[in-house]
Amino acid sequence: MTTLTVHNIDDEIKDHLEINAIQHNCSINEEVCRILKQALFSTENQKN
């Protein structure tokens, strides 16, 4: 696994990530990974 650090995240985005993580019963890190996977794979599926 690779570690990815993201700087300068707006407070509003962080707040929404926290809310989503709570709703999905997971950590913020897990929520970010879920969102990235969803965005990347749904984009690939739309191209094919």
PDB file of N, CA and C in Angstrom:
ATOM      1  N   MET A   1       0.837  -1.189   0.000  1.00  0.00           N
ATOM      2  CA  MET A   1       0.000   0.000   0.000  1.00  0.00           C
ATOM      3  C   MET A   1       0.876   1.245   0.000  1.00  0.00           C
ATOM      4  N   THR A   2       0.364   2.277  -0.566  1.00  0.00           N
ATOM      5  CA  THR A   2       1.054   3.553  -0.635  1.00  0.00           C
ATOM      6  C   THR A   2       0.371   4.554   0.283  1.00  0.00           C
ATOM      7  N   THR A   3       1.151   5.455   0.829  1.00  0.00           N
ATOM      8  CA  THR A   3       0.603   6.535   1.639  1.00  0.00           C
ATOM      9  C   THR A   3       0.505   7.784   0.777  1.00  0.00           C
ATOM     10  N   LEU A   4      -0.629   8.447   0.837  1.00  0.00           N
ATOM     11  CA  LEU A   4      -0.863   9.652   0.068  1.00  0.00           C
ATOM     12  C   LEU A   4      -1.234  10.768   1.038  1.00  0.00           C
ATOM     13  N   THR A   5      -0.543  11.887   0.942  1.00  0.00           N
ATOM     14  CA  THR A   5      -0.843  13.034   1.794  1.00  0.00           C
ATOM     15  C   THR A   5      -1.402  14.144   0.924  1.00  0.00           C
ATOM     16  N   VAL A   6      -2.509  14.715   1.352  1.00  0.00           N
ATOM     17  CA  VAL A   6      -3.148  15.799   0.611  1.00  0.00           C
ATOM     18  C   VAL A   6      -3.133  17.041   1.498  1.00  0.00           C
ATOM     19  N   HIS A   7      -2.617  18.120   0.974  1.00  0.00           N
ATOM     20  CA  HIS A   7      -2.512  19.372   1.721  1.00  0.00           C
ATOM     21  C   HIS A   7      -3.589  20.351   1.259  1.00  0.00           C
ATOM     22  N   ASN A   8      -3.842  21.322   2.100  1.00  0.00           N
ATOM     23  CA  ASN A   8      -4.722  22.468   1.778  1.00  0.00           C
ATOM     24  C   ASN A   8      -6.150  22.065   1.437  1.00  0.00           C
ATOM     25  N   ILE A   9      -6.700  21.135   2.222  1.00  0.00           N
ATOM     26  CA  ILE A   9      -8.099  20.746   2.054  1.00  0.00           C
ATOM     27  C   ILE A   9      -8.977  21.793   2.740  1.00  0.00           C
ATOM     28  N   ASP A  10      -9.953  22.305   2.025  1.00  0.00           N
ATOM     29  CA  ASP A  10     -10.873  23.277   2.619  1.00  0.00           C
ATOM     30  C   ASP A  10     -11.588  22.659   3.818  1.00  0.00           C
ATOM     31  N   ASP A  11     -11.869  23.490   4.810  1.00  0.00           N
ATOM     32  CA  ASP A  11     -12.569  23.021   6.000  1.00  0.00           C
ATOM     33  C   ASP A  11     -13.924  22.411   5.652  1.00  0.00           C
ATOM     34  N   GLU A  12     -14.602  22.981   4.683  1.00  0.00           N
ATOM     35  CA  GLU A  12     -15.919  22.464   4.277  1.00  0.00           C
ATOM     36  C   GLU A  12     -15.799  21.045   3.730  1.00  0.00           C
ATOM     37  N   ILE A  13     -14.769  20.777   2.947  1.00  0.00           N
ATOM     38  CA  ILE A  13     -14.551  19.432   2.412  1.00  0.00           C
ATOM     39  C   ILE A  13     -14.235  18.465   3.544  1.00  0.00           C
ATOM     40  N   LYS A  14     -13.376  18.879   4.464  1.00  0.00           N
ATOM     41  CA  LYS A  14     -13.043  18.029   5.606  1.00  0.00           C
ATOM     42  C   LYS A  14     -14.279  17.711   6.424  1.00  0.00           C
ATOM     43  N   ASP A  15     -15.115  18.719   6.629  1.00  0.00           N
ATOM     44  CA  ASP A  15     -16.345  18.513   7.395  1.00  0.00           C
ATOM     45  C   ASP A  15     -17.259  17.503   6.709  1.00  0.00           C
ATOM     46  N   HIS A  16     -17.378  17.606   5.400  1.00  0.00           N
ATOM     47  CA  HIS A  16     -18.223  16.669   4.654  1.00  0.00           C
ATOM     48  C   HIS A  16     -17.625  15.257   4.684  1.00  0.00           C
ATOM     49  N   LEU A  17     -16.318  15.162   4.610  1.00  0.00           N
ATOM     50  CA  LEU A  17     -15.678  13.849   4.712  1.00  0.00           C
ATOM     51  C   LEU A  17     -15.957  13.212   6.064  1.00  0.00           C
ATOM     52  N   GLU A  18     -15.888  14.013   7.121  1.00  0.00           N
ATOM     53  CA  GLU A  18     -16.182  13.500   8.460  1.00  0.00           C
ATOM     54  C   GLU A  18     -17.623  13.016   8.564  1.00  0.00           C
ATOM     55  N   ILE A  19     -18.545  13.786   8.030  1.00  0.00           N
ATOM     56  CA  ILE A  19     -19.963  13.408   8.064  1.00  0.00           C
ATOM     57  C   ILE A  19     -20.183  12.119   7.274  1.00  0.00           C
ATOM     58  N   ASN A  20     -19.609  12.049   6.076  1.00  0.00           N
ATOM     59  CA  ASN A  20     -19.756  10.840   5.262  1.00  0.00           C
ATOM     60  C   ASN A  20     -19.153   9.633   5.960  1.00  0.00           C
ATOM     61  N   ALA A  21     -18.007   9.816   6.584  1.00  0.00           N
ATOM     62  CA  ALA A  21     -17.354   8.710   7.288  1.00  0.00           C
ATOM     63  C   ALA A  21     -18.237   8.203   8.425  1.00  0.00           C
ATOM     64  N   ILE A  22     -18.832   9.111   9.152  1.00  0.00           N
ATOM     65  CA  ILE A  22     -19.737   8.718  10.238  1.00  0.00           C
ATOM     66  C   ILE A  22     -20.935   7.954   9.669  1.00  0.00           C
ATOM     67  N   GLN A  23     -21.492   8.450   8.575  1.00  0.00           N
ATOM     68  CA  GLN A  23     -22.647   7.796   7.955  1.00  0.00           C
ATOM     69  C   GLN A  23     -22.301   6.391   7.451  1.00  0.00           C
ATOM     70  N   HIS A  24     -21.066   6.207   6.995  1.00  0.00           N
ATOM     71  CA  HIS A  24     -20.630   4.897   6.486  1.00  0.00           C
ATOM     72  C   HIS A  24     -19.922   4.071   7.554  1.00  0.00           C
ATOM     73  N   ASN A  25     -19.920   4.591   8.786  1.00  0.00           N
ATOM     74  CA  ASN A  25     -19.318   3.883   9.914  1.00  0.00           C
ATOM     75  C   ASN A  25     -17.866   3.491   9.633  1.00  0.00           C
ATOM     76  N   CYS A  26     -17.077   4.465   9.187  1.00  0.00           N
ATOM     77  CA  CYS A  26     -15.675   4.203   8.878  1.00  0.00           C
ATOM     78  C   CYS A  26     -14.835   5.432   9.213  1.00  0.00           C
ATOM     79  N   SER A  27     -13.540   5.293   9.066  1.00  0.00           N
ATOM     80  CA  SER A  27     -12.627   6.412   9.314  1.00  0.00           C
ATOM     81  C   SER A  27     -12.635   7.368   8.121  1.00  0.00           C
ATOM     82  N   ILE A  28     -12.109   8.550   8.326  1.00  0.00           N
ATOM     83  CA  ILE A  28     -11.992   9.506   7.222  1.00  0.00           C
ATOM     84  C   ILE A  28     -11.097   8.931   6.138  1.00  0.00           C
ATOM     85  N   ASN A  29     -10.021   8.265   6.536  1.00  0.00           N
ATOM     86  CA  ASN A  29      -9.120   7.650   5.570  1.00  0.00           C
ATOM     87  C   ASN A  29      -9.863   6.628   4.703  1.00  0.00           C
ATOM     88  N   GLU A  30     -10.640   5.773   5.332  1.00  0.00           N
ATOM     89  CA  GLU A  30     -11.410   4.774   4.583  1.00  0.00           C
ATOM     90  C   GLU A  30     -12.420   5.440   3.657  1.00  0.00           C
ATOM     91  N   GLU A  31     -13.018   6.520   4.115  1.00  0.00           N
ATOM     92  CA  GLU A  31     -13.993   7.243   3.298  1.00  0.00           C
ATOM     93  C   GLU A  31     -13.328   7.862   2.077  1.00  0.00           C
ATOM     94  N   VAL A  32     -12.165   8.459   2.262  1.00  0.00           N
ATOM     95  CA  VAL A  32     -11.441   9.042   1.127  1.00  0.00           C
ATOM     96  C   VAL A  32     -11.078   7.949   0.120  1.00  0.00           C
ATOM     97  N   CYS A  33     -10.602   6.813   0.602  1.00  0.00           N
ATOM     98  CA  CYS A  33     -10.270   5.697  -0.300  1.00  0.00           C
ATOM     99  C   CYS A  33     -11.498   5.227  -1.055  1.00  0.00           C
ATOM    100  N   ARG A  34     -12.626   5.137  -0.368  1.00  0.00           N
ATOM    101  CA  ARG A  34     -13.878   4.709  -1.005  1.00  0.00           C
ATOM    102  C   ARG A  34     -14.288   5.686  -2.108  1.00  0.00           C
ATOM    103  N   ILE A  35     -14.206   6.977  -1.809  1.00  0.00           N
ATOM    104  CA  ILE A  35     -14.575   8.008  -2.781  1.00  0.00           C
ATOM    105  C   ILE A  35     -13.641   7.972  -3.994  1.00  0.00           C
ATOM    106  N   LEU A  36     -12.349   7.848  -3.742  1.00  0.00           N
ATOM    107  CA  LEU A  36     -11.391   7.788  -4.852  1.00  0.00           C
ATOM    108  C   LEU A  36     -11.643   6.580  -5.737  1.00  0.00           C
ATOM    109  N   LYS A  37     -11.844   5.411  -5.127  1.00  0.00           N
ATOM    110  CA  LYS A  37     -12.124   4.199  -5.913  1.00  0.00           C
ATOM    111  C   LYS A  37     -13.384   4.369  -6.740  1.00  0.00           C
ATOM    112  N   GLN A  38     -14.423   4.895  -6.110  1.00  0.00           N
ATOM    113  CA  GLN A  38     -15.686   5.088  -6.811  1.00  0.00           C
ATOM    114  C   GLN A  38     -15.513   6.040  -7.994  1.00  0.00           C
ATOM    115  N   ALA A  39     -14.810   7.124  -7.776  1.00  0.00           N
ATOM    116  CA  ALA A  39     -14.601   8.112  -8.839  1.00  0.00           C
ATOM    117  C   ALA A  39     -13.760   7.534  -9.970  1.00  0.00           C
ATOM    118  N   LEU A  40     -12.709   6.827  -9.629  1.00  0.00           N
ATOM    119  CA  LEU A  40     -11.816   6.292 -10.654  1.00  0.00           C
ATOM    120  C   LEU A  40     -12.462   5.166 -11.443  1.00  0.00           C
ATOM    121  N   PHE A  41     -13.114   4.252 -10.755  1.00  0.00           N
ATOM    122  CA  PHE A  41     -13.686   3.108 -11.452  1.00  0.00           C
ATOM    123  C   PHE A  41     -14.937   3.482 -12.211  1.00  0.00           C
ATOM    124  N   SER A  42     -15.739   4.401 -11.720  1.00  0.00           N
ATOM    125  CA  SER A  42     -16.928   4.792 -12.458  1.00  0.00           C
ATOM    126  C   SER A  42     -16.543   5.560 -13.724  1.00  0.00           C
ATOM    127  N   THR A  43     -15.440   6.307 -13.670  1.00  0.00           N
ATOM    128  CA  THR A  43     -14.932   7.008 -14.852  1.00  0.00           C
ATOM    129  C   THR A  43     -14.460   6.008 -15.896  1.00  0.00           C
ATOM    130  N   GLU A  44     -13.730   4.976 -15.486  1.00  0.00           N
ATOM    131  CA  GLU A  44     -13.254   3.953 -16.410  1.00  0.00           C
ATOM    132  C   GLU A  44     -14.423   3.211 -17.032  1.00  0.00           C
ATOM    133  N   ASN A  45     -15.440   2.898 -16.249  1.00  0.00           N
ATOM    134  CA  ASN A  45     -16.598   2.178 -16.766  1.00  0.00           C
ATOM    135  C   ASN A  45     -17.371   3.026 -17.769  1.00  0.00           C
ATOM    136  N   GLN A  46     -17.415   4.325 -17.587  1.00  0.00           N
ATOM    137  CA  GLN A  46     -18.119   5.195 -18.517  1.00  0.00           C
ATOM    138  C   GLN A  46     -17.392   5.293 -19.841  1.00  0.00           C
ATOM    139  N   LYS A  47     -16.059   5.178 -19.831  1.00  0.00           N
ATOM    140  CA  LYS A  47     -15.276   5.267 -21.057  1.00  0.00           C
ATOM    141  C   LYS A  47     -15.428   4.006 -21.906  1.00  0.00           C
ATOM    142  N   ASN A  48     -15.638   2.849 -21.256  1.00  0.00           N
ATOM    143  CA  ASN A  48     -15.699   1.568 -21.989  1.00  0.00           C
ATOM    144  C   ASN A  48     -17.050   1.297 -22.513  1.00  0.00           C
TER     145      ASN A  48
END
